[in-house]
Amino acid sequence: MIKQIETRILASDEPLSLPEDLSLAAAFPVLDSWVVLMGKIYNFPVYRIIALADNKIAGVLSLIRIKHFVFGDYLATAPFASYGGFSFSSVEVRDALLERAQKLGDELDVEYVNVRFEDGNATPPAHWTQHPAYATYRAELSPDPDKLLASYNPNHRNHVRKSLKKGFAVKFGRMDLLNEAYEGLARSMHELGSPYHSKDYLRRMVDSLGEEIELAALYNAEGRLIGAGVFIFSGDMATNLHANILHEARSDYAGEFLYWSAITRYSQKGFYIFDMGRSLLGSGNEVFKLKWNPNKKILAYWYYLRKMQEVPRLDQKNPKFQIAIWTWKRLPAFIIRPIGPFLIKGLA
């Protein structure tokens, strides 16, 4: 029985060593190599709160502070990731960490605090609001590609097989694919009307995470770049951080080819789960991901609202963003690429 729970914020140079179960539950956004890196790239203050129960680490909550001229002033977990940076051994530890996060938000006078983690079916404690807008999609892997293919519905199997006959080619690598991966992601995000990070963001991520990250570049039959991906490894799971295809290649099932290439690659490497990353509920991305027969998991997006009456809608379904998206698609690359990192840093 836990006698006492204490929470404290680690010093900026204080190392964090977690028990394996807490580390896996918190996923890669809890790692110093991730959260500290994100803080350095975008000059975010980092706050790592730990909970001690019976003098042992029983939970962690890593937060960054975003102050942005468009998107506000707030604290959030899992910068630029779907979820993570929050794990706990019990509900009591969870609530103690959240209480400390509230106090931190009060002290910093932010507009709100956003905590993103896996259990979307849990009931938040007092003063916290759940906003069930996102899910993640986890496909179980098998080293036998025929078994994987047989688990899909006939229509999707047909699309995967068609993609294999289009002459597509994919390369996986790290720093050697930096330029191609950045170009594929930046171009495809431009088409979607969304800003993207700088190339330095990818470079420093690869340099920091080492063997825990891979980049992918996708080419058509003529050798032209048509898409890219970023995949991160944690425990027995490979996670899709970014994966996008240029619009011109979608009708030829280039997206199916990239996903199938990643799924079979990571199956052979011994991973058991392929996490496809978050999507808005009801979006086209969700429709695509559900074709791979994944376990759909509603994410907990809990908010402590200090200066707001409603949960902020920082996504493409917000009507306020429609004109901005329409305009962004039509601006030339030489304008949007320098501006993009300044905008996207507010959407951590």
Protein backbone atom coordinates (compact mmCIF):
# COMPACT_ATOMS: atom_id res chain seq x y z
CA MET A 1 0.00 0.00 0.00
CA ILE A 2 1.28 3.43 -0.98
CA LYS A 3 1.82 5.55 2.12
CA GLN A 4 2.67 8.89 0.54
CA ILE A 5 2.99 10.42 -2.91
CA GLU A 6 5.32 13.32 -3.48
CA THR A 7 5.79 15.25 -6.69
CA ARG A 8 8.61 17.47 -7.80
CA ILE A 9 9.97 19.09 -10.95
CA LEU A 10 13.37 17.85 -12.05
CA ALA A 11 16.18 20.32 -12.61
CA SER A 12 16.97 20.96 -16.26
CA ASP A 13 20.24 19.01 -16.07
CA GLU A 14 18.91 16.22 -13.85
CA PRO A 15 18.81 12.84 -15.64
CA LEU A 16 15.59 10.85 -15.69
CA SER A 17 15.75 7.09 -15.23
CA LEU A 18 12.40 5.28 -15.30
CA PRO A 19 11.41 1.69 -14.55
CA GLU A 20 10.81 -0.20 -17.79
CA ASP A 21 7.03 -0.42 -17.40
CA LEU A 22 6.69 3.35 -16.94
CA SER A 23 9.09 4.09 -19.79
CA LEU A 24 7.18 1.90 -22.24
CA ALA A 25 3.82 3.36 -21.22
CA ALA A 26 5.12 6.91 -21.64
CA ALA A 27 6.53 6.04 -25.10
CA PHE A 28 9.32 8.01 -26.75
CA PRO A 29 8.04 11.55 -25.87
CA VAL A 30 9.16 11.03 -22.27
CA LEU A 31 12.76 10.42 -23.27
CA ASP A 32 15.22 13.21 -22.58
CA SER A 33 16.47 12.67 -26.13
CA TRP A 34 13.02 13.73 -27.38
CA VAL A 35 11.48 16.27 -25.03
CA VAL A 36 14.74 18.10 -24.35
CA LEU A 37 15.50 18.13 -28.08
CA MET A 38 12.11 19.64 -28.88
CA GLY A 39 12.77 22.27 -26.23
CA LYS A 40 16.11 23.15 -27.81
CA ILE A 41 14.82 23.28 -31.38
CA TYR A 42 11.94 25.64 -30.64
CA ASN A 43 13.16 27.23 -27.42
CA PHE A 44 10.39 25.62 -25.36
CA PRO A 45 10.82 25.54 -21.57
CA VAL A 46 10.65 21.91 -20.40
CA TYR A 47 9.08 20.78 -17.11
CA ARG A 48 9.57 17.14 -16.10
CA ILE A 49 7.41 16.25 -13.10
CA ILE A 50 8.03 12.98 -11.28
CA ALA A 51 5.94 11.30 -8.60
CA LEU A 52 7.62 9.41 -5.78
CA ALA A 53 5.73 6.73 -3.87
CA ASP A 54 7.52 5.06 -1.00
CA ASN A 55 10.68 6.83 -2.25
CA LYS A 56 10.48 5.17 -5.67
CA ILE A 57 9.56 6.74 -9.00
CA ALA A 58 5.91 5.86 -9.60
CA GLY A 59 5.02 8.26 -12.41
CA VAL A 60 6.21 10.98 -14.74
CA LEU A 61 4.64 13.87 -16.63
CA SER A 62 6.79 15.79 -19.13
CA LEU A 63 5.43 19.16 -20.23
CA ILE A 64 6.62 21.91 -22.52
CA ARG A 65 5.42 25.49 -22.57
CA ILE A 66 4.32 26.96 -25.90
CA LYS A 67 3.93 30.72 -26.24
CA HIS A 68 2.75 31.58 -29.73
CA PHE A 69 1.40 34.76 -31.25
CA VAL A 70 -1.37 32.84 -33.07
CA PHE A 71 -2.04 29.67 -31.06
CA GLY A 72 -1.75 30.93 -27.51
CA ASP A 73 0.14 30.20 -24.31
CA TYR A 74 -0.21 26.66 -22.97
CA LEU A 75 1.49 23.62 -21.47
CA ALA A 76 1.39 20.29 -23.31
CA THR A 77 2.79 16.79 -23.24
CA ALA A 78 4.19 14.92 -26.25
CA PRO A 79 5.40 17.81 -28.43
CA PHE A 80 4.70 17.01 -32.11
CA ALA A 81 3.67 13.46 -31.22
CA SER A 82 0.28 11.78 -30.89
CA TYR A 83 0.55 11.00 -27.19
CA GLY A 84 3.07 10.08 -24.50
CA GLY A 85 5.26 11.68 -21.91
CA PHE A 86 2.82 10.65 -19.17
CA SER A 87 2.79 7.37 -17.26
CA PHE A 88 1.85 6.30 -13.78
CA SER A 89 1.59 3.21 -11.59
CA SER A 90 -1.86 4.00 -10.15
CA VAL A 91 -4.78 6.40 -10.41
CA GLU A 92 -3.59 8.08 -7.21
CA VAL A 93 -0.20 8.76 -8.79
CA ARG A 94 -1.87 9.98 -11.98
CA ASP A 95 -3.99 12.48 -10.08
CA ALA A 96 -1.04 13.69 -8.03
CA LEU A 97 0.87 14.44 -11.21
CA LEU A 98 -2.13 16.22 -12.72
CA GLU A 99 -2.55 18.31 -9.58
CA ARG A 100 1.08 19.38 -9.85
CA ALA A 101 0.53 20.22 -13.52
CA GLN A 102 -2.44 22.41 -12.53
CA LYS A 103 -0.30 24.27 -9.99
CA LEU A 104 2.40 24.76 -12.62
CA GLY A 105 -0.17 26.12 -15.04
CA ASP A 106 -1.42 28.52 -12.37
CA GLU A 107 2.09 29.66 -11.52
CA LEU A 108 2.96 30.29 -15.16
CA ASP A 109 -0.44 31.84 -15.84
CA VAL A 110 -0.97 29.86 -19.05
CA GLU A 111 -4.31 29.65 -20.83
CA TYR A 112 -4.62 25.89 -20.43
CA VAL A 113 -2.78 22.62 -19.87
CA ASN A 114 -3.13 19.71 -22.32
CA VAL A 115 -2.14 16.17 -21.35
CA ARG A 116 -2.21 13.51 -24.08
CA PHE A 117 -1.95 9.83 -23.30
CA GLU A 118 -3.40 6.46 -24.25
CA ASP A 119 -6.45 5.72 -22.14
CA GLY A 120 -9.27 7.64 -23.82
CA ASN A 121 -11.89 5.70 -21.90
CA ALA A 122 -10.69 6.86 -18.49
CA THR A 123 -12.66 9.48 -16.58
CA PRO A 124 -10.64 12.61 -15.86
CA PRO A 125 -10.50 13.99 -12.31
CA ALA A 126 -12.06 17.26 -11.20
CA HIS A 127 -11.01 20.37 -13.16
CA TRP A 128 -9.99 18.32 -16.19
CA THR A 129 -12.00 17.89 -19.42
CA GLN A 130 -11.64 15.05 -21.93
CA HIS A 131 -11.86 15.98 -25.62
CA PRO A 132 -12.22 12.72 -27.59
CA ALA A 133 -11.23 14.06 -31.00
CA TYR A 134 -8.30 11.78 -31.84
CA ALA A 135 -7.54 8.08 -31.99
CA THR A 136 -4.43 6.08 -32.76
CA TYR A 137 -4.40 2.88 -34.81
CA ARG A 138 -2.22 -0.09 -33.91
CA ALA A 139 -1.78 -3.01 -36.26
CA GLU A 140 -0.46 -6.31 -34.96
CA LEU A 141 2.52 -7.52 -36.98
CA SER A 142 3.58 -10.95 -38.16
CA PRO A 143 6.84 -12.05 -39.80
CA ASP A 144 4.69 -13.85 -42.38
CA PRO A 145 3.57 -11.29 -45.02
CA ASP A 146 0.96 -13.67 -46.43
CA LYS A 147 -0.67 -13.88 -43.01
CA LEU A 148 -0.71 -10.09 -42.77
CA LEU A 149 -2.20 -9.70 -46.22
CA ALA A 150 -4.88 -12.31 -45.50
CA SER A 151 -6.04 -10.30 -42.47
CA TYR A 152 -7.20 -7.42 -44.71
CA ASN A 153 -10.52 -7.29 -46.50
CA PRO A 154 -10.48 -8.38 -50.18
CA ASN A 155 -10.73 -4.84 -51.53
CA HIS A 156 -7.74 -3.64 -49.51
CA ARG A 157 -5.71 -6.73 -50.41
CA ASN A 158 -6.36 -5.89 -54.04
CA HIS A 159 -5.16 -2.30 -53.55
CA VAL A 160 -1.95 -3.47 -51.87
CA ARG A 161 -1.26 -5.93 -54.69
CA LYS A 162 -1.91 -3.25 -57.30
CA SER A 163 0.53 -0.91 -55.56
CA LEU A 164 3.24 -3.56 -55.85
CA LYS A 165 2.88 -3.54 -59.66
CA LYS A 166 3.26 0.23 -60.15
CA GLY A 167 7.03 0.33 -60.09
CA PHE A 168 7.26 2.21 -56.79
CA ALA A 169 10.45 2.01 -54.78
CA VAL A 170 11.11 2.94 -51.17
CA LYS A 171 14.39 3.60 -49.39
CA PHE A 172 14.88 3.46 -45.63
CA GLY A 173 17.77 5.21 -43.96
CA ARG A 174 18.79 7.95 -41.59
CA MET A 175 21.02 10.93 -42.30
CA ASP A 176 21.63 9.64 -45.84
CA LEU A 177 17.93 10.23 -46.62
CA LEU A 178 17.58 13.58 -44.88
CA ASN A 179 17.14 15.68 -48.02
CA GLU A 180 14.67 13.32 -49.70
CA ALA A 181 12.59 12.76 -46.57
CA TYR A 182 12.36 16.48 -45.89
CA GLU A 183 11.38 17.28 -49.49
CA GLY A 184 8.72 14.58 -49.58
CA LEU A 185 7.17 15.70 -46.31
CA ALA A 186 7.42 19.44 -46.96
CA ARG A 187 5.83 19.15 -50.41
CA SER A 188 3.00 16.89 -49.29
CA MET A 189 2.21 19.07 -46.27
CA HIS A 190 2.15 22.10 -48.58
CA GLU A 191 -0.45 20.33 -50.72
CA LEU A 192 -2.56 19.76 -47.61
CA GLY A 193 -2.36 23.43 -46.66
CA SER A 194 -0.32 22.83 -43.53
CA PRO A 195 3.08 24.21 -42.44
CA TYR A 196 5.98 21.86 -41.80
CA HIS A 197 9.17 21.95 -39.79
CA SER A 198 12.57 22.96 -41.08
CA LYS A 199 15.08 20.45 -42.39
CA ASP A 200 17.11 21.10 -39.24
CA TYR A 201 14.22 19.65 -37.20
CA LEU A 202 14.62 16.30 -38.96
CA ARG A 203 18.43 16.49 -38.88
CA ARG A 204 18.60 17.05 -35.15
CA MET A 205 15.95 14.41 -34.50
CA VAL A 206 17.92 11.79 -36.41
CA ASP A 207 21.14 12.84 -34.73
CA SER A 208 19.57 12.64 -31.27
CA LEU A 209 17.56 9.42 -31.60
CA GLY A 210 20.15 7.39 -33.51
CA GLU A 211 19.05 3.79 -33.94
CA GLU A 212 15.56 4.58 -32.61
CA ILE A 213 14.49 6.38 -35.79
CA GLU A 214 14.30 5.73 -39.53
CA LEU A 215 13.44 7.95 -42.47
CA ALA A 216 11.77 6.70 -45.63
CA ALA A 217 11.66 8.16 -49.14
CA LEU A 218 9.18 6.93 -51.76
CA TYR A 219 9.74 7.15 -55.54
CA ASN A 220 7.57 6.43 -58.57
CA ALA A 221 8.57 4.23 -61.53
CA GLU A 222 10.45 7.15 -63.11
CA GLY A 223 12.48 7.71 -59.94
CA ARG A 224 10.69 10.90 -58.93
CA LEU A 225 10.14 11.56 -55.22
CA ILE A 226 6.45 11.18 -54.34
CA GLY A 227 6.35 10.78 -50.55
CA ALA A 228 8.23 10.23 -47.33
CA GLY A 229 7.92 8.95 -43.78
CA VAL A 230 9.46 9.14 -40.32
CA PHE A 231 9.27 6.10 -38.04
CA ILE A 232 10.31 5.90 -34.38
CA PHE A 233 10.95 2.75 -32.32
CA SER A 234 10.07 2.18 -28.68
CA GLY A 235 10.13 -1.27 -27.13
CA ASP A 236 8.33 -3.72 -29.43
CA MET A 237 6.49 -0.95 -31.31
CA ALA A 238 7.31 0.98 -34.47
CA THR A 239 5.45 4.30 -34.65
CA ASN A 240 4.60 6.34 -37.72
CA LEU A 241 5.44 9.90 -36.73
CA HIS A 242 4.97 11.41 -40.20
CA ALA A 243 4.01 9.74 -43.48
CA ASN A 244 2.65 11.62 -46.47
CA ILE A 245 2.14 11.03 -50.19
CA LEU A 246 1.91 13.62 -52.95
CA HIS A 247 -1.60 13.94 -54.36
CA GLU A 248 -0.53 12.86 -57.86
CA ALA A 249 0.37 9.36 -56.60
CA ARG A 250 -2.60 8.57 -54.40
CA SER A 251 -4.80 7.11 -57.13
CA ASP A 252 -2.05 4.57 -57.87
CA TYR A 253 -2.10 3.42 -54.21
CA ALA A 254 1.28 4.89 -53.33
CA GLY A 255 0.10 5.27 -49.74
CA GLU A 256 -0.66 1.57 -49.58
CA PHE A 257 2.82 0.81 -50.94
CA LEU A 258 4.57 2.97 -48.34
CA TYR A 259 2.56 1.51 -45.45
CA TRP A 260 2.97 -2.06 -46.68
CA SER A 261 6.72 -1.51 -47.07
CA ALA A 262 6.98 -0.20 -43.50
CA ILE A 263 4.74 -2.92 -42.05
CA THR A 264 6.63 -5.79 -43.68
CA ARG A 265 10.01 -4.23 -42.87
CA TYR A 266 9.28 -3.79 -39.20
CA SER A 267 7.62 -7.20 -38.98
CA GLN A 268 10.85 -8.75 -40.21
CA LYS A 269 12.84 -6.68 -37.71
CA GLY A 270 10.91 -8.26 -34.82
CA PHE A 271 8.46 -5.51 -33.90
CA TYR A 272 5.03 -6.70 -32.78
CA ILE A 273 3.03 -3.50 -33.22
CA PHE A 274 2.89 -0.83 -35.92
CA ASP A 275 1.33 2.34 -34.52
CA MET A 276 0.00 4.36 -37.46
CA GLY A 277 -0.21 7.56 -35.46
CA ARG A 278 -3.13 9.75 -34.57
CA SER A 279 -5.97 10.91 -36.82
CA LEU A 280 -9.02 13.04 -36.26
CA LEU A 281 -12.11 10.93 -35.77
CA GLY A 282 -14.12 10.80 -38.99
CA SER A 283 -11.28 12.12 -41.15
CA GLY A 284 -10.02 10.72 -44.44
CA ASN A 285 -6.81 9.68 -42.69
CA GLU A 286 -8.83 7.56 -40.29
CA VAL A 287 -10.64 5.86 -43.18
CA PHE A 288 -7.28 4.98 -44.75
CA LYS A 289 -5.80 3.61 -41.52
CA LEU A 290 -8.82 1.48 -40.69
CA LYS A 291 -8.20 -0.50 -43.89
CA TRP A 292 -5.16 -2.09 -42.22
CA ASN A 293 -7.32 -3.86 -39.63
CA PRO A 294 -5.82 -2.05 -36.62
CA ASN A 295 -6.94 -1.78 -33.05
CA LYS A 296 -8.48 1.70 -32.88
CA LYS A 297 -7.66 3.36 -29.57
CA ILE A 298 -9.35 6.60 -28.54
CA LEU A 299 -6.74 8.88 -27.03
CA ALA A 300 -7.08 10.81 -23.79
CA TYR A 301 -6.73 14.51 -24.56
CA TRP A 302 -7.34 16.07 -21.17
CA TYR A 303 -7.50 19.81 -20.67
CA TYR A 304 -7.21 22.00 -17.61
CA LEU A 305 -8.89 25.18 -18.85
CA ARG A 306 -7.76 28.27 -16.95
CA LYS A 307 -8.70 31.15 -19.23
CA MET A 308 -10.94 29.44 -21.74
CA GLN A 309 -14.53 28.24 -21.66
CA GLU A 310 -14.11 25.62 -24.38
CA VAL A 311 -11.40 23.22 -25.48
CA PRO A 312 -9.21 24.86 -28.17
CA ARG A 313 -9.62 23.42 -31.66
CA LEU A 314 -6.16 23.52 -33.18
CA ASP A 315 -6.96 21.25 -36.11
CA GLN A 316 -8.02 21.43 -39.75
CA LYS A 317 -11.70 20.96 -38.92
CA ASN A 318 -11.83 24.33 -37.19
CA PRO A 319 -13.75 26.63 -39.56
CA LYS A 320 -11.48 29.53 -38.52
CA PHE A 321 -8.55 27.81 -40.24
CA GLN A 322 -10.21 27.11 -43.61
CA ILE A 323 -9.17 30.38 -45.28
CA ALA A 324 -5.63 29.99 -43.95
CA ILE A 325 -5.43 26.42 -45.32
CA TRP A 326 -6.80 27.51 -48.70
CA THR A 327 -4.27 30.35 -48.89
CA TRP A 328 -1.31 28.25 -47.73
CA LYS A 329 -1.88 25.69 -50.51
CA ARG A 330 -1.53 28.43 -53.12
CA LEU A 331 1.56 30.20 -51.80
CA PRO A 332 4.92 29.33 -53.41
CA ALA A 333 7.42 27.17 -51.57
CA PHE A 334 9.99 29.96 -51.22
CA ILE A 335 7.49 31.86 -49.06
CA ILE A 336 6.04 29.05 -46.94
CA ARG A 337 9.22 27.14 -46.07
CA PRO A 338 10.83 29.92 -44.00
CA ILE A 339 7.48 30.76 -42.37
CA GLY A 340 6.31 27.20 -41.71
CA PRO A 341 8.51 26.42 -38.68
CA PHE A 342 7.39 29.65 -36.96
CA LEU A 343 3.75 28.62 -37.37
CA ILE A 344 3.99 24.92 -36.60
CA LYS A 345 5.86 25.52 -33.34
CA GLY A 346 2.53 26.75 -31.93
CA LEU A 347 0.87 23.40 -32.73
CA ALA A 348 3.05 21.21 -30.56
